[in-house]
Amino acid sequence: GVHVAAGDDGTAITSSDGAHWTQSEQISAAKIRGLAFGSGQFAAVGNAGTILTSPDGTHWTPQASRTVSDLSAVGHANNRFVAVGSHGAILTSGDGSQWSAVPAPVNTDLVDVVSGPAGFVAATRDGVILESPNGLSWSARRVLTDTPYDRYEVRGLAAANDRQILVGRRIHLESDFIITGGFALTLADSGGSE
């Protein structure tokens, strides 16, 4: 298999073993903010609606996203890519080349999306979780509520073994937080600081 990483300057790097990396040419002038693999190809998303696909992580093709929203993350499950981004942008594609916007139940920035056999989970910066079994219809629920003494800022999601992990920052208390589970939620202070 091939491992791919990309970043702020639109450059991708690839590795066949995860230890030795080769830099490819710049794949985009835009900042690349998310990568996913599925249906035999990689998808990369970034600022100003940037979407690119690649069969090998080296040769990239720009795709029409039909949005100017900054895209922050992309996931793949059940033969479907889902990209999320600013102002509640949610885009889906079955093949990586034809992308369509779907209605979002929020109009705030979506910071991340994770995927698994049960579908997709996305998160807003202010603690709303969006869930979808298919990437096309979404429901939302608040899992974090600011208090007069503290404000939460979600930074990312992860998924493994049918569990999701929500990570972020408690702004006023200047500490990180981690929430694990199916978002029936156990709030745990990571004990770390940024």
C-alpha atoms as a PDB file:
ATOM      1  CA  GLY A   1       0.000   0.000   0.000  1.00  0.00           C
ATOM      2  CA  VAL A   2       0.877   3.647  -0.307  1.00  0.00           C
ATOM      3  CA  HIS A   3       0.770   6.216   2.500  1.00  0.00           C
ATOM      4  CA  VAL A   4       0.081   9.856   1.548  1.00  0.00           C
ATOM      5  CA  ALA A   5       0.378  13.100   3.519  1.00  0.00           C
ATOM      6  CA  ALA A   6      -0.169  16.665   2.330  1.00  0.00           C
ATOM      7  CA  GLY A   7      -0.067  20.095   3.885  1.00  0.00           C
ATOM      8  CA  ASP A   8      -0.144  23.843   3.965  1.00  0.00           C
ATOM      9  CA  ASP A   9       1.867  24.446   0.818  1.00  0.00           C
ATOM     10  CA  GLY A  10      -0.180  22.049  -1.341  1.00  0.00           C
ATOM     11  CA  THR A  11       2.644  19.512  -1.527  1.00  0.00           C
ATOM     12  CA  ALA A  12       2.043  15.776  -1.109  1.00  0.00           C
ATOM     13  CA  ILE A  13       4.502  13.178   0.125  1.00  0.00           C
ATOM     14  CA  THR A  14       4.232   9.415  -0.325  1.00  0.00           C
ATOM     15  CA  SER A  15       5.700   6.348   1.330  1.00  0.00           C
ATOM     16  CA  SER A  16       5.453   2.632   0.692  1.00  0.00           C
ATOM     17  CA  ASP A  17       6.572   1.701   4.215  1.00  0.00           C
ATOM     18  CA  GLY A  18       5.614   4.670   6.430  1.00  0.00           C
ATOM     19  CA  ALA A  19       9.269   5.290   7.304  1.00  0.00           C
ATOM     20  CA  HIS A  20      10.809   6.636   4.090  1.00  0.00           C
ATOM     21  CA  TRP A  21       8.972   9.465   2.335  1.00  0.00           C
ATOM     22  CA  THR A  22       9.238  10.967  -1.149  1.00  0.00           C
ATOM     23  CA  GLN A  23       8.021  14.466  -1.933  1.00  0.00           C
ATOM     24  CA  SER A  24       5.943  14.800  -5.064  1.00  0.00           C
ATOM     25  CA  GLU A  25       5.379  17.961  -7.012  1.00  0.00           C
ATOM     26  CA  GLN A  26       3.039  20.571  -5.604  1.00  0.00           C
ATOM     27  CA  ILE A  27      -0.468  19.212  -6.162  1.00  0.00           C
ATOM     28  CA  SER A  28      -2.330  22.463  -5.459  1.00  0.00           C
ATOM     29  CA  ALA A  29      -1.726  26.139  -4.810  1.00  0.00           C
ATOM     30  CA  ALA A  30      -4.293  25.871  -1.993  1.00  0.00           C
ATOM     31  CA  LYS A  31      -3.645  24.606   1.512  1.00  0.00           C
ATOM     32  CA  ILE A  32      -4.531  20.906   1.691  1.00  0.00           C
ATOM     33  CA  ARG A  33      -6.408  20.192   4.903  1.00  0.00           C
ATOM     34  CA  GLY A  34      -7.708  16.636   4.587  1.00  0.00           C
ATOM     35  CA  LEU A  35      -7.006  13.293   2.892  1.00  0.00           C
ATOM     36  CA  ALA A  36      -8.934  10.041   2.622  1.00  0.00           C
ATOM     37  CA  PHE A  37      -8.645   6.793   0.714  1.00  0.00           C
ATOM     38  CA  GLY A  38     -11.534   4.775  -0.648  1.00  0.00           C
ATOM     39  CA  SER A  39     -12.915   3.149  -3.776  1.00  0.00           C
ATOM     40  CA  GLY A  40      -9.367   2.647  -5.044  1.00  0.00           C
ATOM     41  CA  GLN A  41      -8.276   6.280  -4.884  1.00  0.00           C
ATOM     42  CA  PHE A  42      -7.119   9.105  -2.647  1.00  0.00           C
ATOM     43  CA  ALA A  43      -9.122  12.315  -2.226  1.00  0.00           C
ATOM     44  CA  ALA A  44      -7.563  15.540  -0.932  1.00  0.00           C
ATOM     45  CA  VAL A  45      -9.516  18.650   0.116  1.00  0.00           C
ATOM     46  CA  GLY A  46      -8.462  22.162   1.011  1.00  0.00           C
ATOM     47  CA  ASN A  47      -9.087  25.866   0.963  1.00  0.00           C
ATOM     48  CA  ALA A  48     -11.368  27.586  -1.562  1.00  0.00           C
ATOM     49  CA  GLY A  49     -13.248  24.365  -2.398  1.00  0.00           C
ATOM     50  CA  THR A  50     -10.146  22.503  -3.554  1.00  0.00           C
ATOM     51  CA  ILE A  51     -10.711  18.802  -4.271  1.00  0.00           C
ATOM     52  CA  LEU A  52      -8.160  16.533  -5.952  1.00  0.00           C
ATOM     53  CA  THR A  53      -8.110  12.783  -6.553  1.00  0.00           C
ATOM     54  CA  SER A  54      -5.295  10.350  -7.242  1.00  0.00           C
ATOM     55  CA  PRO A  55      -5.114   6.618  -7.943  1.00  0.00           C
ATOM     56  CA  ASP A  56      -1.546   6.381  -6.603  1.00  0.00           C
ATOM     57  CA  GLY A  57      -0.876   9.400  -4.342  1.00  0.00           C
ATOM     58  CA  THR A  58       1.538  10.845  -6.923  1.00  0.00           C
ATOM     59  CA  HIS A  59      -0.550  11.890  -9.915  1.00  0.00           C
ATOM     60  CA  TRP A  60      -3.419  14.219  -8.902  1.00  0.00           C
ATOM     61  CA  THR A  61      -6.450  15.447 -10.852  1.00  0.00           C
ATOM     62  CA  PRO A  62      -8.411  18.559  -9.780  1.00  0.00           C
ATOM     63  CA  GLN A  63     -12.165  17.995  -9.411  1.00  0.00           C
ATOM     64  CA  ALA A  64     -15.005  20.524  -9.574  1.00  0.00           C
ATOM     65  CA  SER A  65     -16.429  21.062  -6.100  1.00  0.00           C
ATOM     66  CA  ARG A  66     -18.897  23.801  -7.048  1.00  0.00           C
ATOM     67  CA  THR A  67     -18.114  25.610  -3.785  1.00  0.00           C
ATOM     68  CA  VAL A  68     -15.694  28.286  -2.612  1.00  0.00           C
ATOM     69  CA  SER A  69     -15.973  27.163   1.014  1.00  0.00           C
ATOM     70  CA  ASP A  70     -12.758  26.085   2.687  1.00  0.00           C
ATOM     71  CA  LEU A  71     -12.910  22.312   3.045  1.00  0.00           C
ATOM     72  CA  SER A  72     -11.362  21.025   6.260  1.00  0.00           C
ATOM     73  CA  ALA A  73     -11.676  17.232   6.072  1.00  0.00           C
ATOM     74  CA  VAL A  74     -12.760  14.287   3.949  1.00  0.00           C
ATOM     75  CA  GLY A  75     -13.781  10.745   4.834  1.00  0.00           C
ATOM     76  CA  HIS A  76     -14.861   7.605   2.985  1.00  0.00           C
ATOM     77  CA  ALA A  77     -17.332   4.863   3.904  1.00  0.00           C
ATOM     78  CA  ASN A  78     -19.716   2.581   2.054  1.00  0.00           C
ATOM     79  CA  ASN A  79     -18.435   3.639  -1.399  1.00  0.00           C
ATOM     80  CA  ARG A  80     -18.950   7.354  -0.696  1.00  0.00           C
ATOM     81  CA  PHE A  81     -16.610  10.278  -0.025  1.00  0.00           C
ATOM     82  CA  VAL A  82     -17.838  13.080   2.259  1.00  0.00           C
ATOM     83  CA  ALA A  83     -16.019  16.422   2.531  1.00  0.00           C
ATOM     84  CA  VAL A  84     -16.893  19.056   5.152  1.00  0.00           C
ATOM     85  CA  GLY A  85     -15.903  22.664   5.649  1.00  0.00           C
ATOM     86  CA  SER A  86     -16.771  26.252   6.414  1.00  0.00           C
ATOM     87  CA  HIS A  87     -20.331  27.518   6.844  1.00  0.00           C
ATOM     88  CA  GLY A  88     -21.716  23.989   7.169  1.00  0.00           C
ATOM     89  CA  ALA A  89     -20.453  22.834   3.770  1.00  0.00           C
ATOM     90  CA  ILE A  90     -21.020  19.120   3.150  1.00  0.00           C
ATOM     91  CA  LEU A  91     -20.137  17.616  -0.235  1.00  0.00           C
ATOM     92  CA  THR A  92     -20.496  13.979  -1.296  1.00  0.00           C
ATOM     93  CA  SER A  93     -19.225  11.867  -4.156  1.00  0.00           C
ATOM     94  CA  GLY A  94     -19.637   8.237  -5.079  1.00  0.00           C
ATOM     95  CA  ASP A  95     -16.706   8.217  -7.497  1.00  0.00           C
ATOM     96  CA  GLY A  96     -14.442  11.101  -6.376  1.00  0.00           C
ATOM     97  CA  SER A  97     -14.994  13.065  -9.579  1.00  0.00           C
ATOM     98  CA  GLN A  98     -18.641  14.176  -9.358  1.00  0.00           C
ATOM     99  CA  TRP A  99     -19.295  16.152  -6.144  1.00  0.00           C
ATOM    100  CA  SER A 100     -22.647  17.458  -4.902  1.00  0.00           C
ATOM    101  CA  ALA A 101     -23.612  19.633  -1.958  1.00  0.00           C
ATOM    102  CA  VAL A 102     -26.064  18.193   0.555  1.00  0.00           C
ATOM    103  CA  PRO A 103     -28.087  20.154   3.118  1.00  0.00           C
ATOM    104  CA  ALA A 104     -26.454  20.519   6.513  1.00  0.00           C
ATOM    105  CA  PRO A 105     -28.409  20.956   9.751  1.00  0.00           C
ATOM    106  CA  VAL A 106     -25.930  23.679  10.834  1.00  0.00           C
ATOM    107  CA  ASN A 107     -24.441  26.793   9.257  1.00  0.00           C
ATOM    108  CA  THR A 108     -21.218  26.860  11.286  1.00  0.00           C
ATOM    109  CA  ASP A 109     -17.776  25.607  10.353  1.00  0.00           C
ATOM    110  CA  LEU A 110     -17.323  21.846  10.307  1.00  0.00           C
ATOM    111  CA  VAL A 111     -13.804  21.025  11.479  1.00  0.00           C
ATOM    112  CA  ASP A 112     -13.598  17.291  10.857  1.00  0.00           C
ATOM    113  CA  VAL A 113     -15.374  14.185   9.584  1.00  0.00           C
ATOM    114  CA  VAL A 114     -14.677  10.535  10.351  1.00  0.00           C
ATOM    115  CA  SER A 115     -16.165   7.473   8.764  1.00  0.00           C
ATOM    116  CA  GLY A 116     -16.774   3.837   9.471  1.00  0.00           C
ATOM    117  CA  PRO A 117     -19.121   0.975   8.651  1.00  0.00           C
ATOM    118  CA  ALA A 118     -22.052   2.764  10.341  1.00  0.00           C
ATOM    119  CA  GLY A 119     -21.564   5.953   8.299  1.00  0.00           C
ATOM    120  CA  PHE A 120     -20.143   9.385   9.053  1.00  0.00           C
ATOM    121  CA  VAL A 121     -19.689  11.671  12.070  1.00  0.00           C
ATOM    122  CA  ALA A 122     -18.749  15.354  11.672  1.00  0.00           C
ATOM    123  CA  ALA A 123     -18.154  18.058  14.283  1.00  0.00           C
ATOM    124  CA  THR A 124     -18.457  21.826  14.497  1.00  0.00           C
ATOM    125  CA  ARG A 125     -15.868  23.901  16.326  1.00  0.00           C
ATOM    126  CA  ASP A 126     -18.437  24.769  19.016  1.00  0.00           C
ATOM    127  CA  GLY A 127     -19.427  21.211  19.958  1.00  0.00           C
ATOM    128  CA  VAL A 128     -22.253  20.067  17.686  1.00  0.00           C
ATOM    129  CA  ILE A 129     -21.985  16.514  16.352  1.00  0.00           C
ATOM    130  CA  LEU A 130     -23.532  15.630  12.988  1.00  0.00           C
ATOM    131  CA  GLU A 131     -24.273  11.994  12.177  1.00  0.00           C
ATOM    132  CA  SER A 132     -25.225  10.351   8.893  1.00  0.00           C
ATOM    133  CA  PRO A 133     -25.610   6.710   7.897  1.00  0.00           C
ATOM    134  CA  ASN A 134     -25.001   7.508   4.211  1.00  0.00           C
ATOM    135  CA  GLY A 135     -23.466  10.998   3.864  1.00  0.00           C
ATOM    136  CA  LEU A 136     -26.672  12.321   2.316  1.00  0.00           C
ATOM    137  CA  SER A 137     -28.981  12.985   5.278  1.00  0.00           C
ATOM    138  CA  TRP A 138     -27.624  14.400   8.525  1.00  0.00           C
ATOM    139  CA  SER A 139     -28.870  14.897  12.075  1.00  0.00           C
ATOM    140  CA  ALA A 140     -27.261  17.196  14.642  1.00  0.00           C
ATOM    141  CA  ARG A 141     -26.986  17.251  18.404  1.00  0.00           C
ATOM    142  CA  ARG A 142     -25.015  19.408  20.808  1.00  0.00           C
ATOM    143  CA  VAL A 143     -22.536  17.490  22.947  1.00  0.00           C
ATOM    144  CA  LEU A 144     -20.639  20.447  24.459  1.00  0.00           C
ATOM    145  CA  THR A 145     -22.150  23.565  25.977  1.00  0.00           C
ATOM    146  CA  ASP A 146     -20.135  26.613  26.964  1.00  0.00           C
ATOM    147  CA  THR A 147     -20.489  27.872  30.519  1.00  0.00           C
ATOM    148  CA  PRO A 148     -19.894  31.338  31.951  1.00  0.00           C
ATOM    149  CA  TYR A 149     -16.567  29.967  33.190  1.00  0.00           C
ATOM    150  CA  ASP A 150     -15.355  28.052  30.189  1.00  0.00           C
ATOM    151  CA  ARG A 151     -15.658  27.730  26.414  1.00  0.00           C
ATOM    152  CA  TYR A 152     -14.963  24.615  24.371  1.00  0.00           C
ATOM    153  CA  GLU A 153     -13.272  24.524  20.973  1.00  0.00           C
ATOM    154  CA  VAL A 154     -13.349  21.254  19.046  1.00  0.00           C
ATOM    155  CA  ARG A 155     -10.156  20.584  17.092  1.00  0.00           C
ATOM    156  CA  GLY A 156     -10.731  17.136  15.630  1.00  0.00           C
ATOM    157  CA  LEU A 157     -12.305  13.692  15.539  1.00  0.00           C
ATOM    158  CA  ALA A 158     -10.927  10.181  15.307  1.00  0.00           C
ATOM    159  CA  ALA A 159     -12.620   6.822  14.897  1.00  0.00           C
ATOM    160  CA  ALA A 160     -11.443   3.281  15.557  1.00  0.00           C
ATOM    161  CA  ASN A 161     -13.150   0.029  16.500  1.00  0.00           C
ATOM    162  CA  ASP A 162     -16.655   1.561  16.354  1.00  0.00           C
ATOM    163  CA  ARG A 163     -15.665   4.308  18.830  1.00  0.00           C
ATOM    164  CA  GLN A 164     -15.290   7.997  18.180  1.00  0.00           C
ATOM    165  CA  ILE A 165     -12.940  10.380  19.946  1.00  0.00           C
ATOM    166  CA  LEU A 166     -13.559  14.124  20.041  1.00  0.00           C
ATOM    167  CA  VAL A 167     -10.580  16.298  20.981  1.00  0.00           C
ATOM    168  CA  GLY A 168     -10.273  19.985  21.606  1.00  0.00           C
ATOM    169  CA  ARG A 169      -9.391  22.818  23.914  1.00  0.00           C
ATOM    170  CA  ARG A 170     -11.037  24.329  26.978  1.00  0.00           C
ATOM    171  CA  ILE A 171     -10.236  27.960  26.280  1.00  0.00           C
ATOM    172  CA  HIS A 172     -10.615  29.671  29.668  1.00  0.00           C
ATOM    173  CA  LEU A 173      -9.190  26.786  31.697  1.00  0.00           C
ATOM    174  CA  GLU A 174      -6.320  26.462  29.205  1.00  0.00           C
ATOM    175  CA  SER A 175      -6.470  22.679  29.069  1.00  0.00           C
ATOM    176  CA  ASP A 176      -7.149  20.097  26.399  1.00  0.00           C
ATOM    177  CA  PHE A 177     -10.097  17.726  26.512  1.00  0.00           C
ATOM    178  CA  ILE A 178     -10.848  14.309  25.105  1.00  0.00           C
ATOM    179  CA  ILE A 179     -14.303  12.771  24.796  1.00  0.00           C
ATOM    180  CA  THR A 180     -14.618   9.096  23.966  1.00  0.00           C
ATOM    181  CA  GLY A 181     -17.481   6.784  23.186  1.00  0.00           C
ATOM    182  CA  GLY A 182     -20.413   6.953  20.843  1.00  0.00           C
ATOM    183  CA  PHE A 183     -20.835  10.490  22.117  1.00  0.00           C
ATOM    184  CA  ALA A 184     -22.970   9.459  25.040  1.00  0.00           C
ATOM    185  CA  LEU A 185     -20.017  11.104  26.526  1.00  0.00           C
ATOM    186  CA  THR A 186     -17.366  10.744  29.070  1.00  0.00           C
ATOM    187  CA  LEU A 187     -15.539  14.039  29.469  1.00  0.00           C
ATOM    188  CA  ALA A 188     -11.902  13.490  30.369  1.00  0.00           C
ATOM    189  CA  ASP A 189      -9.291  16.177  30.872  1.00  0.00           C
ATOM    190  CA  SER A 190      -6.173  15.149  28.987  1.00  0.00           C
ATOM    191  CA  GLY A 191      -4.025  16.878  31.575  1.00  0.00           C
ATOM    192  CA  GLY A 192      -1.973  18.434  28.802  1.00  0.00           C
ATOM    193  CA  SER A 193      -1.649  21.935  27.520  1.00  0.00           C
ATOM    194  CA  GLU A 194      -1.110  23.262  24.087  1.00  0.00           C
END
